[in-house]
Amino acid sequence: MANIDEEFLMDEEETRREIQFVREQLPSDLKEKYSDEQLGWMFDTIADYFFESGILETDDDEVDVDIEKVADYLCSQAKSEGLSALDSSEVRFVVEADLDFQEENA
């Protein structure tokens, strides 16, 4: 079993791979718009959305995710946390790429 330091390093590596994957999927005008920290925050917030929405509690093999709702949730959370404003029409590309990464690495 990995100790806490090893788990932390594995999580960091996973986040780096996810950031790289998402950047490759984004339209060219968005590839450098978000910092690694912003993308990491978005990934964590997307996960929060899935936990809070109950999507993860279904027994269905496939779940229909409303990307617009997730993007709106990210924008709402950014605003409530006093972060820079996000545009849901742009954030949706991050959500889609994140979902693709999760599907490929499930």
PDB file of N, CA and C in Angstrom:
ATOM      1  N   MET A   1       0.843  -1.179   0.000  1.00  0.00           N
ATOM      2  CA  MET A   1       0.000   0.000   0.000  1.00  0.00           C
ATOM      3  C   MET A   1       0.890   1.245   0.000  1.00  0.00           C
ATOM      4  N   ALA A   2       0.505   2.230  -0.800  1.00  0.00           N
ATOM      5  CA  ALA A   2       1.286   3.453  -0.912  1.00  0.00           C
ATOM      6  C   ALA A   2       1.093   4.323   0.326  1.00  0.00           C
ATOM      7  N   ASN A   3       2.189   4.956   0.736  1.00  0.00           N
ATOM      8  CA  ASN A   3       2.045   5.873   1.857  1.00  0.00           C
ATOM      9  C   ASN A   3       1.474   7.200   1.353  1.00  0.00           C
ATOM     10  N   ILE A   4       1.201   8.109   2.261  1.00  0.00           N
ATOM     11  CA  ILE A   4       0.531   9.368   1.909  1.00  0.00           C
ATOM     12  C   ILE A   4       1.357  10.190   0.922  1.00  0.00           C
ATOM     13  N   ASP A   5       2.676  10.197   1.065  1.00  0.00           N
ATOM     14  CA  ASP A   5       3.527  10.950   0.142  1.00  0.00           C
ATOM     15  C   ASP A   5       3.471  10.361  -1.262  1.00  0.00           C
ATOM     16  N   GLU A   6       3.477   9.043  -1.357  1.00  0.00           N
ATOM     17  CA  GLU A   6       3.395   8.389  -2.659  1.00  0.00           C
ATOM     18  C   GLU A   6       2.038   8.660  -3.308  1.00  0.00           C
ATOM     19  N   GLU A   7       0.980   8.620  -2.521  1.00  0.00           N
ATOM     20  CA  GLU A   7      -0.353   8.906  -3.054  1.00  0.00           C
ATOM     21  C   GLU A   7      -0.441  10.350  -3.539  1.00  0.00           C
ATOM     22  N   PHE A   8       0.149  11.267  -2.796  1.00  0.00           N
ATOM     23  CA  PHE A   8       0.149  12.674  -3.194  1.00  0.00           C
ATOM     24  C   PHE A   8       0.879  12.842  -4.522  1.00  0.00           C
ATOM     25  N   LEU A   9       2.026  12.195  -4.669  1.00  0.00           N
ATOM     26  CA  LEU A   9       2.781  12.275  -5.914  1.00  0.00           C
ATOM     27  C   LEU A   9       2.014  11.653  -7.079  1.00  0.00           C
ATOM     28  N   MET A  10       1.320  10.550  -6.822  1.00  0.00           N
ATOM     29  CA  MET A  10       0.523   9.919  -7.883  1.00  0.00           C
ATOM     30  C   MET A  10      -0.627  10.837  -8.287  1.00  0.00           C
ATOM     31  N   ASP A  11      -1.257  11.507  -7.317  1.00  0.00           N
ATOM     32  CA  ASP A  11      -2.331  12.449  -7.634  1.00  0.00           C
ATOM     33  C   ASP A  11      -1.812  13.630  -8.452  1.00  0.00           C
ATOM     34  N   GLU A  12      -0.644  14.144  -8.091  1.00  0.00           N
ATOM     35  CA  GLU A  12      -0.049  15.247  -8.844  1.00  0.00           C
ATOM     36  C   GLU A  12       0.241  14.832 -10.280  1.00  0.00           C
ATOM     37  N   GLU A  13       0.779  13.638 -10.459  1.00  0.00           N
ATOM     38  CA  GLU A  13       1.087  13.140 -11.801  1.00  0.00           C
ATOM     39  C   GLU A  13      -0.194  12.971 -12.615  1.00  0.00           C
ATOM     40  N   GLU A  14      -1.233  12.449 -11.998  1.00  0.00           N
ATOM     41  CA  GLU A  14      -2.526  12.282 -12.674  1.00  0.00           C
ATOM     42  C   GLU A  14      -3.070  13.638 -13.103  1.00  0.00           C
ATOM     43  N   THR A  15      -2.961  14.634 -12.246  1.00  0.00           N
ATOM     44  CA  THR A  15      -3.434  15.976 -12.579  1.00  0.00           C
ATOM     45  C   THR A  15      -2.627  16.557 -13.729  1.00  0.00           C
ATOM     46  N   ARG A  16      -1.315  16.357 -13.730  1.00  0.00           N
ATOM     47  CA  ARG A  16      -0.478  16.840 -14.842  1.00  0.00           C
ATOM     48  C   ARG A  16      -0.893  16.193 -16.159  1.00  0.00           C
ATOM     49  N   ARG A  17      -1.152  14.885 -16.127  1.00  0.00           N
ATOM     50  CA  ARG A  17      -1.581  14.186 -17.346  1.00  0.00           C
ATOM     51  C   ARG A  17      -2.945  14.699 -17.811  1.00  0.00           C
ATOM     52  N   GLU A  18      -3.821  14.955 -16.854  1.00  0.00           N
ATOM     53  CA  GLU A  18      -5.146  15.458 -17.190  1.00  0.00           C
ATOM     54  C   GLU A  18      -5.069  16.862 -17.794  1.00  0.00           C
ATOM     55  N   ILE A  19      -4.247  17.715 -17.211  1.00  0.00           N
ATOM     56  CA  ILE A  19      -4.066  19.071 -17.746  1.00  0.00           C
ATOM     57  C   ILE A  19      -3.542  18.997 -19.171  1.00  0.00           C
ATOM     58  N   GLN A  20      -2.542  18.169 -19.404  1.00  0.00           N
ATOM     59  CA  GLN A  20      -1.980  18.031 -20.744  1.00  0.00           C
ATOM     60  C   GLN A  20      -3.049  17.544 -21.724  1.00  0.00           C
ATOM     61  N   PHE A  21      -3.809  16.536 -21.330  1.00  0.00           N
ATOM     62  CA  PHE A  21      -4.864  15.993 -22.180  1.00  0.00           C
ATOM     63  C   PHE A  21      -5.896  17.065 -22.516  1.00  0.00           C
ATOM     64  N   VAL A  22      -6.358  17.782 -21.489  1.00  0.00           N
ATOM     65  CA  VAL A  22      -7.390  18.794 -21.695  1.00  0.00           C
ATOM     66  C   VAL A  22      -6.876  19.902 -22.600  1.00  0.00           C
ATOM     67  N   ARG A  23      -5.662  20.366 -22.381  1.00  0.00           N
ATOM     68  CA  ARG A  23      -5.097  21.422 -23.243  1.00  0.00           C
ATOM     69  C   ARG A  23      -5.060  20.979 -24.698  1.00  0.00           C
ATOM     70  N   GLU A  24      -4.747  19.716 -24.938  1.00  0.00           N
ATOM     71  CA  GLU A  24      -4.702  19.204 -26.312  1.00  0.00           C
ATOM     72  C   GLU A  24      -6.083  19.192 -26.952  1.00  0.00           C
ATOM     73  N   GLN A  25      -7.128  19.059 -26.149  1.00  0.00           N
ATOM     74  CA  GLN A  25      -8.493  18.969 -26.663  1.00  0.00           C
ATOM     75  C   GLN A  25      -9.156  20.334 -26.865  1.00  0.00           C
ATOM     76  N   LEU A  26      -8.663  21.348 -26.181  1.00  0.00           N
ATOM     77  CA  LEU A  26      -9.299  22.664 -26.239  1.00  0.00           C
ATOM     78  C   LEU A  26      -9.092  23.335 -27.589  1.00  0.00           C
ATOM     79  N   PRO A  27     -10.048  24.180 -28.002  1.00  0.00           N
ATOM     80  CA  PRO A  27      -9.840  24.989 -29.202  1.00  0.00           C
ATOM     81  C   PRO A  27      -8.595  25.859 -29.016  1.00  0.00           C
ATOM     82  N   SER A  28      -7.942  26.185 -30.113  1.00  0.00           N
ATOM     83  CA  SER A  28      -6.662  26.894 -30.042  1.00  0.00           C
ATOM     84  C   SER A  28      -6.732  28.191 -29.242  1.00  0.00           C
ATOM     85  N   ASP A  29      -7.845  28.911 -29.298  1.00  0.00           N
ATOM     86  CA  ASP A  29      -7.933  30.175 -28.572  1.00  0.00           C
ATOM     87  C   ASP A  29      -8.096  29.990 -27.066  1.00  0.00           C
ATOM     88  N   LEU A  30      -8.340  28.753 -26.621  1.00  0.00           N
ATOM     89  CA  LEU A  30      -8.496  28.502 -25.186  1.00  0.00           C
ATOM     90  C   LEU A  30      -7.338  27.718 -24.583  1.00  0.00           C
ATOM     91  N   LYS A  31      -6.440  27.198 -25.403  1.00  0.00           N
ATOM     92  CA  LYS A  31      -5.367  26.327 -24.916  1.00  0.00           C
ATOM     93  C   LYS A  31      -4.548  26.956 -23.795  1.00  0.00           C
ATOM     94  N   GLU A  32      -4.287  28.238 -23.884  1.00  0.00           N
ATOM     95  CA  GLU A  32      -3.454  28.903 -22.876  1.00  0.00           C
ATOM     96  C   GLU A  32      -4.238  29.900 -22.025  1.00  0.00           C
ATOM     97  N   LYS A  33      -5.557  29.896 -22.171  1.00  0.00           N
ATOM     98  CA  LYS A  33      -6.370  30.865 -21.426  1.00  0.00           C
ATOM     99  C   LYS A  33      -6.349  30.597 -19.924  1.00  0.00           C
ATOM    100  N   TYR A  34      -6.344  29.322 -19.551  1.00  0.00           N
ATOM    101  CA  TYR A  34      -6.427  28.956 -18.140  1.00  0.00           C
ATOM    102  C   TYR A  34      -5.081  28.452 -17.639  1.00  0.00           C
ATOM    103  N   SER A  35      -4.721  28.863 -16.436  1.00  0.00           N
ATOM    104  CA  SER A  35      -3.487  28.375 -15.824  1.00  0.00           C
ATOM    105  C   SER A  35      -3.687  26.928 -15.380  1.00  0.00           C
ATOM    106  N   ASP A  36      -2.592  26.251 -15.072  1.00  0.00           N
ATOM    107  CA  ASP A  36      -2.685  24.890 -14.539  1.00  0.00           C
ATOM    108  C   ASP A  36      -3.503  24.878 -13.254  1.00  0.00           C
ATOM    109  N   GLU A  37      -3.338  25.913 -12.432  1.00  0.00           N
ATOM    110  CA  GLU A  37      -4.081  25.991 -11.177  1.00  0.00           C
ATOM    111  C   GLU A  37      -5.580  26.144 -11.436  1.00  0.00           C
ATOM    112  N   GLN A  38      -5.931  26.969 -12.425  1.00  0.00           N
ATOM    113  CA  GLN A  38      -7.345  27.139 -12.757  1.00  0.00           C
ATOM    114  C   GLN A  38      -7.938  25.824 -13.267  1.00  0.00           C
ATOM    115  N   LEU A  39      -7.205  25.129 -14.121  1.00  0.00           N
ATOM    116  CA  LEU A  39      -7.698  23.852 -14.633  1.00  0.00           C
ATOM    117  C   LEU A  39      -7.844  22.841 -13.498  1.00  0.00           C
ATOM    118  N   GLY A  40      -6.872  22.785 -12.615  1.00  0.00           N
ATOM    119  CA  GLY A  40      -6.962  21.882 -11.468  1.00  0.00           C
ATOM    120  C   GLY A  40      -8.178  22.196 -10.613  1.00  0.00           C
ATOM    121  N   TRP A  41      -8.446  23.484 -10.399  1.00  0.00           N
ATOM    122  CA  TRP A  41      -9.634  23.893  -9.646  1.00  0.00           C
ATOM    123  C   TRP A  41     -10.888  23.425 -10.373  1.00  0.00           C
ATOM    124  N   MET A  42     -10.911  23.596 -11.702  1.00  0.00           N
ATOM    125  CA  MET A  42     -12.076  23.167 -12.477  1.00  0.00           C
ATOM    126  C   MET A  42     -12.294  21.659 -12.346  1.00  0.00           C
ATOM    127  N   PHE A  43     -11.227  20.872 -12.424  1.00  0.00           N
ATOM    128  CA  PHE A  43     -11.362  19.416 -12.288  1.00  0.00           C
ATOM    129  C   PHE A  43     -11.965  19.054 -10.931  1.00  0.00           C
ATOM    130  N   ASP A  44     -11.457  19.693  -9.882  1.00  0.00           N
ATOM    131  CA  ASP A  44     -11.973  19.430  -8.533  1.00  0.00           C
ATOM    132  C   ASP A  44     -13.436  19.842  -8.413  1.00  0.00           C
ATOM    133  N   THR A  45     -13.783  20.963  -9.030  1.00  0.00           N
ATOM    134  CA  THR A  45     -15.150  21.469  -8.951  1.00  0.00           C
ATOM    135  C   THR A  45     -16.100  20.610  -9.777  1.00  0.00           C
ATOM    136  N   ILE A  46     -15.620  20.096 -10.895  1.00  0.00           N
ATOM    137  CA  ILE A  46     -16.433  19.157 -11.685  1.00  0.00           C
ATOM    138  C   ILE A  46     -16.717  17.914 -10.837  1.00  0.00           C
ATOM    139  N   ALA A  47     -15.709  17.409 -10.157  1.00  0.00           N
ATOM    140  CA  ALA A  47     -15.896  16.242  -9.279  1.00  0.00           C
ATOM    141  C   ALA A  47     -16.897  16.567  -8.180  1.00  0.00           C
ATOM    142  N   ASP A  48     -16.802  17.774  -7.609  1.00  0.00           N
ATOM    143  CA  ASP A  48     -17.769  18.192  -6.589  1.00  0.00           C
ATOM    144  C   ASP A  48     -19.185  18.172  -7.148  1.00  0.00           C
ATOM    145  N   TYR A  49     -19.347  18.661  -8.374  1.00  0.00           N
ATOM    146  CA  TYR A  49     -20.667  18.667  -9.010  1.00  0.00           C
ATOM    147  C   TYR A  49     -21.226  17.245  -9.089  1.00  0.00           C
ATOM    148  N   PHE A  50     -20.395  16.307  -9.523  1.00  0.00           N
ATOM    149  CA  PHE A  50     -20.857  14.925  -9.654  1.00  0.00           C
ATOM    150  C   PHE A  50     -21.259  14.342  -8.304  1.00  0.00           C
ATOM    151  N   PHE A  51     -20.498  14.640  -7.262  1.00  0.00           N
ATOM    152  CA  PHE A  51     -20.855  14.153  -5.926  1.00  0.00           C
ATOM    153  C   PHE A  51     -22.163  14.782  -5.447  1.00  0.00           C
ATOM    154  N   GLU A  52     -22.275  16.092  -5.594  1.00  0.00           N
ATOM    155  CA  GLU A  52     -23.437  16.808  -5.095  1.00  0.00           C
ATOM    156  C   GLU A  52     -24.707  16.508  -5.890  1.00  0.00           C
ATOM    157  N   SER A  53     -24.568  16.244  -7.179  1.00  0.00           N
ATOM    158  CA  SER A  53     -25.736  16.018  -8.036  1.00  0.00           C
ATOM    159  C   SER A  53     -26.304  14.612  -7.903  1.00  0.00           C
ATOM    160  N   GLY A  54     -25.526  13.702  -7.337  1.00  0.00           N
ATOM    161  CA  GLY A  54     -25.980  12.326  -7.196  1.00  0.00           C
ATOM    162  C   GLY A  54     -25.711  11.460  -8.416  1.00  0.00           C
ATOM    163  N   ILE A  55     -25.077  12.008  -9.425  1.00  0.00           N
ATOM    164  CA  ILE A  55     -24.785  11.260 -10.653  1.00  0.00           C
ATOM    165  C   ILE A  55     -23.984  10.001 -10.349  1.00  0.00           C
ATOM    166  N   LEU A  56     -23.092  10.080  -9.399  1.00  0.00           N
ATOM    167  CA  LEU A  56     -22.219   8.946  -9.101  1.00  0.00           C
ATOM    168  C   LEU A  56     -22.942   7.823  -8.366  1.00  0.00           C
ATOM    169  N   GLU A  57     -24.139   8.079  -7.911  1.00  0.00           N
ATOM    170  CA  GLU A  57     -24.877   7.079  -7.143  1.00  0.00           C
ATOM    171  C   GLU A  57     -25.745   6.177  -8.005  1.00  0.00           C
ATOM    172  N   THR A  58     -25.778   6.406  -9.307  1.00  0.00           N
ATOM    173  CA  THR A  58     -26.601   5.599 -10.192  1.00  0.00           C
ATOM    174  C   THR A  58     -25.925   4.263 -10.504  1.00  0.00           C
ATOM    175  N   ASP A  59     -26.736   3.268 -10.752  1.00  0.00           N
ATOM    176  CA  ASP A  59     -26.218   1.953 -11.125  1.00  0.00           C
ATOM    177  C   ASP A  59     -26.139   1.780 -12.635  1.00  0.00           C
ATOM    178  N   ASP A  60     -26.583   2.777 -13.373  1.00  0.00           N
ATOM    179  CA  ASP A  60     -26.570   2.700 -14.830  1.00  0.00           C
ATOM    180  C   ASP A  60     -25.138   2.656 -15.358  1.00  0.00           C
ATOM    181  N   ASP A  61     -24.941   1.886 -16.432  1.00  0.00           N
ATOM    182  CA  ASP A  61     -23.620   1.811 -17.056  1.00  0.00           C
ATOM    183  C   ASP A  61     -23.253   3.124 -17.737  1.00  0.00           C
ATOM    184  N   GLU A  62     -24.241   3.798 -18.296  1.00  0.00           N
ATOM    185  CA  GLU A  62     -24.007   5.089 -18.943  1.00  0.00           C
ATOM    186  C   GLU A  62     -24.878   6.134 -18.273  1.00  0.00           C
ATOM    187  N   VAL A  63     -24.285   7.288 -18.057  1.00  0.00           N
ATOM    188  CA  VAL A  63     -24.996   8.394 -17.426  1.00  0.00           C
ATOM    189  C   VAL A  63     -24.965   9.562 -18.392  1.00  0.00           C
ATOM    190  N   ASP A  64     -26.101  10.195 -18.572  1.00  0.00           N
ATOM    191  CA  ASP A  64     -26.188  11.361 -19.444  1.00  0.00           C
ATOM    192  C   ASP A  64     -25.830  12.600 -18.629  1.00  0.00           C
ATOM    193  N   VAL A  65     -24.705  13.204 -18.955  1.00  0.00           N
ATOM    194  CA  VAL A  65     -24.238  14.386 -18.234  1.00  0.00           C
ATOM    195  C   VAL A  65     -24.611  15.623 -19.045  1.00  0.00           C
ATOM    196  N   ASP A  66     -25.290  16.543 -18.410  1.00  0.00           N
ATOM    197  CA  ASP A  66     -25.644  17.809 -19.054  1.00  0.00           C
ATOM    198  C   ASP A  66     -24.448  18.758 -18.912  1.00  0.00           C
ATOM    199  N   ILE A  67     -23.680  18.853 -19.972  1.00  0.00           N
ATOM    200  CA  ILE A  67     -22.442  19.642 -19.950  1.00  0.00           C
ATOM    201  C   ILE A  67     -22.719  21.107 -19.634  1.00  0.00           C
ATOM    202  N   GLU A  68     -23.836  21.618 -20.126  1.00  0.00           N
ATOM    203  CA  GLU A  68     -24.184  23.011 -19.848  1.00  0.00           C
ATOM    204  C   GLU A  68     -24.412  23.234 -18.348  1.00  0.00           C
ATOM    205  N   LYS A  69     -25.077  22.291 -17.692  1.00  0.00           N
ATOM    206  CA  LYS A  69     -25.307  22.411 -16.245  1.00  0.00           C
ATOM    207  C   LYS A  69     -23.986  22.389 -15.484  1.00  0.00           C
ATOM    208  N   VAL A  70     -23.074  21.514 -15.907  1.00  0.00           N
ATOM    209  CA  VAL A  70     -21.779  21.432 -15.234  1.00  0.00           C
ATOM    210  C   VAL A  70     -21.011  22.732 -15.441  1.00  0.00           C
ATOM    211  N   ALA A  71     -21.017  23.249 -16.671  1.00  0.00           N
ATOM    212  CA  ALA A  71     -20.318  24.508 -16.964  1.00  0.00           C
ATOM    213  C   ALA A  71     -20.921  25.653 -16.153  1.00  0.00           C
ATOM    214  N   ASP A  72     -22.241  25.704 -16.076  1.00  0.00           N
ATOM    215  CA  ASP A  72     -22.896  26.750 -15.284  1.00  0.00           C
ATOM    216  C   ASP A  72     -22.521  26.621 -13.806  1.00  0.00           C
ATOM    217  N   TYR A  73     -22.439  25.387 -13.308  1.00  0.00           N
ATOM    218  CA  TYR A  73     -22.038  25.154 -11.917  1.00  0.00           C
ATOM    219  C   TYR A  73     -20.626  25.687 -11.676  1.00  0.00           C
ATOM    220  N   LEU A  74     -19.705  25.415 -12.608  1.00  0.00           N
ATOM    221  CA  LEU A  74     -18.341  25.931 -12.464  1.00  0.00           C
ATOM    222  C   LEU A  74     -18.341  27.454 -12.393  1.00  0.00           C
ATOM    223  N   CYS A  75     -19.090  28.085 -13.269  1.00  0.00           N
ATOM    224  CA  CYS A  75     -19.144  29.548 -13.283  1.00  0.00           C
ATOM    225  C   CYS A  75     -19.729  30.085 -11.983  1.00  0.00           C
ATOM    226  N   SER A  76     -20.775  29.435 -11.510  1.00  0.00           N
ATOM    227  CA  SER A  76     -21.403  29.842 -10.255  1.00  0.00           C
ATOM    228  C   SER A  76     -20.443  29.687  -9.076  1.00  0.00           C
ATOM    229  N   GLN A  77     -19.737  28.564  -9.030  1.00  0.00           N
ATOM    230  CA  GLN A  77     -18.787  28.331  -7.938  1.00  0.00           C
ATOM    231  C   GLN A  77     -17.636  29.334  -7.982  1.00  0.00           C
ATOM    232  N   ALA A  78     -17.143  29.629  -9.174  1.00  0.00           N
ATOM    233  CA  ALA A  78     -16.055  30.608  -9.300  1.00  0.00           C
ATOM    234  C   ALA A  78     -16.509  31.955  -8.750  1.00  0.00           C
ATOM    235  N   LYS A  79     -17.720  32.341  -9.093  1.00  0.00           N
ATOM    236  CA  LYS A  79     -18.252  33.617  -8.614  1.00  0.00           C
ATOM    237  C   LYS A  79     -18.409  33.601  -7.099  1.00  0.00           C
ATOM    238  N   SER A  80     -18.971  32.512  -6.564  1.00  0.00           N
ATOM    239  CA  SER A  80     -19.201  32.448  -5.114  1.00  0.00           C
ATOM    240  C   SER A  80     -17.897  32.380  -4.317  1.00  0.00           C
ATOM    241  N   GLU A  81     -16.831  31.882  -4.954  1.00  0.00           N
ATOM    242  CA  GLU A  81     -15.535  31.806  -4.279  1.00  0.00           C
ATOM    243  C   GLU A  81     -14.670  33.039  -4.533  1.00  0.00           C
ATOM    244  N   GLY A  82     -15.222  34.020  -5.269  1.00  0.00           N
ATOM    245  CA  GLY A  82     -14.495  35.255  -5.531  1.00  0.00           C
ATOM    246  C   GLY A  82     -13.363  35.092  -6.529  1.00  0.00           C
ATOM    247  N   LEU A  83     -13.459  34.076  -7.381  1.00  0.00           N
ATOM    248  CA  LEU A  83     -12.445  33.859  -8.405  1.00  0.00           C
ATOM    249  C   LEU A  83     -12.799  34.665  -9.645  1.00  0.00           C
ATOM    250  N   SER A  84     -11.892  34.694 -10.612  1.00  0.00           N
ATOM    251  CA  SER A  84     -12.177  35.433 -11.833  1.00  0.00           C
ATOM    252  C   SER A  84     -13.386  34.822 -12.535  1.00  0.00           C
ATOM    253  N   ALA A  85     -14.139  35.673 -13.196  1.00  0.00           N
ATOM    254  CA  ALA A  85     -15.358  35.237 -13.875  1.00  0.00           C
ATOM    255  C   ALA A  85     -15.021  34.263 -15.000  1.00  0.00           C
ATOM    256  N   LEU A  86     -15.859  33.251 -15.131  1.00  0.00           N
ATOM    257  CA  LEU A  86     -15.699  32.261 -16.183  1.00  0.00           C
ATOM    258  C   LEU A  86     -16.859  32.385 -17.154  1.00  0.00           C
ATOM    259  N   ASP A  87     -16.592  32.098 -18.407  1.00  0.00           N
ATOM    260  CA  ASP A  87     -17.605  32.123 -19.454  1.00  0.00           C
ATOM    261  C   ASP A  87     -18.045  30.686 -19.698  1.00  0.00           C
ATOM    262  N   SER A  88     -19.324  30.394 -19.432  1.00  0.00           N
ATOM    263  CA  SER A  88     -19.793  29.009 -19.540  1.00  0.00           C
ATOM    264  C   SER A  88     -19.653  28.452 -20.951  1.00  0.00           C
ATOM    265  N   SER A  89     -19.726  29.316 -21.974  1.00  0.00           N
ATOM    266  CA  SER A  89     -19.570  28.825 -23.344  1.00  0.00           C
ATOM    267  C   SER A  89     -18.140  28.371 -23.618  1.00  0.00           C
ATOM    268  N   GLU A  90     -17.187  28.880 -22.851  1.00  0.00           N
ATOM    269  CA  GLU A  90     -15.794  28.434 -22.976  1.00  0.00           C
ATOM    270  C   GLU A  90     -15.505  27.272 -22.026  1.00  0.00           C
ATOM    271  N   VAL A  91     -16.043  27.363 -20.827  1.00  0.00           N
ATOM    272  CA  VAL A  91     -15.798  26.340 -19.810  1.00  0.00           C
ATOM    273  C   VAL A  91     -16.343  24.980 -20.255  1.00  0.00           C
ATOM    274  N   ARG A  92     -17.386  24.983 -21.057  1.00  0.00           N
ATOM    275  CA  ARG A  92     -17.969  23.719 -21.509  1.00  0.00           C
ATOM    276  C   ARG A  92     -16.938  22.862 -22.242  1.00  0.00           C
ATOM    277  N   PHE A  93     -15.981  23.497 -22.932  1.00  0.00           N
ATOM    278  CA  PHE A  93     -14.935  22.739 -23.605  1.00  0.00           C
ATOM    279  C   PHE A  93     -14.029  22.022 -22.599  1.00  0.00           C
ATOM    280  N   VAL A  94     -13.780  22.670 -21.474  1.00  0.00           N
ATOM    281  CA  VAL A  94     -12.990  22.044 -20.407  1.00  0.00           C
ATOM    282  C   VAL A  94     -13.768  20.868 -19.831  1.00  0.00           C
ATOM    283  N   VAL A  95     -15.047  21.058 -19.609  1.00  0.00           N
ATOM    284  CA  VAL A  95     -15.891  19.986 -19.066  1.00  0.00           C
ATOM    285  C   VAL A  95     -15.887  18.789 -20.009  1.00  0.00           C
ATOM    286  N   GLU A  96     -16.087  19.039 -21.302  1.00  0.00           N
ATOM    287  CA  GLU A  96     -16.100  17.945 -22.285  1.00  0.00           C
ATOM    288  C   GLU A  96     -14.769  17.202 -22.297  1.00  0.00           C
ATOM    289  N   ALA A  97     -13.675  17.951 -22.297  1.00  0.00           N
ATOM    290  CA  ALA A  97     -12.342  17.323 -22.327  1.00  0.00           C
ATOM    291  C   ALA A  97     -12.086  16.540 -21.046  1.00  0.00           C
ATOM    292  N   ASP A  98     -12.530  17.077 -19.910  1.00  0.00           N
ATOM    293  CA  ASP A  98     -12.363  16.370 -18.642  1.00  0.00           C
ATOM    294  C   ASP A  98     -13.143  15.054 -18.660  1.00  0.00           C
ATOM    295  N   LEU A  99     -14.364  15.087 -19.158  1.00  0.00           N
ATOM    296  CA  LEU A  99     -15.164  13.869 -19.252  1.00  0.00           C
ATOM    297  C   LEU A  99     -14.498  12.847 -20.174  1.00  0.00           C
ATOM    298  N   ASP A 100     -13.928  13.319 -21.290  1.00  0.00           N
ATOM    299  CA  ASP A 100     -13.211  12.416 -22.195  1.00  0.00           C
ATOM    300  C   ASP A 100     -12.019  11.788 -21.504  1.00  0.00           C
ATOM    301  N   PHE A 101     -11.285  12.587 -20.735  1.00  0.00           N
ATOM    302  CA  PHE A 101     -10.126  12.057 -19.996  1.00  0.00           C
ATOM    303  C   PHE A 101     -10.582  11.007 -19.005  1.00  0.00           C
ATOM    304  N   GLN A 102     -11.639  11.301 -18.258  1.00  0.00           N
ATOM    305  CA  GLN A 102     -12.126  10.341 -17.256  1.00  0.00           C
ATOM    306  C   GLN A 102     -12.583   9.046 -17.918  1.00  0.00           C
ATOM    307  N   GLU A 103     -13.230   9.163 -19.067  1.00  0.00           N
ATOM    308  CA  GLU A 103     -13.711   7.976 -19.764  1.00  0.00           C
ATOM    309  C   GLU A 103     -12.547   7.128 -20.262  1.00  0.00           C
ATOM    310  N   GLU A 104     -11.521   7.774 -20.791  1.00  0.00           N
ATOM    311  CA  GLU A 104     -10.363   7.047 -21.297  1.00  0.00           C
ATOM    312  C   GLU A 104      -9.531   6.397 -20.188  1.00  0.00           C
ATOM    313  N   ASN A 105      -9.615   6.941 -18.980  1.00  0.00           N
ATOM    314  CA  ASN A 105      -8.796   6.461 -17.881  1.00  0.00           C
ATOM    315  C   ASN A 105      -9.600   5.758 -16.797  1.00  0.00           C
ATOM    316  N   ALA A 106     -10.812   5.354 -17.149  1.00  0.00           N
ATOM    317  CA  ALA A 106     -11.666   4.665 -16.164  1.00  0.00           C
ATOM    318  C   ALA A 106     -11.224   3.233 -15.946  1.00  0.00           C
TER     319      ALA A 106
END
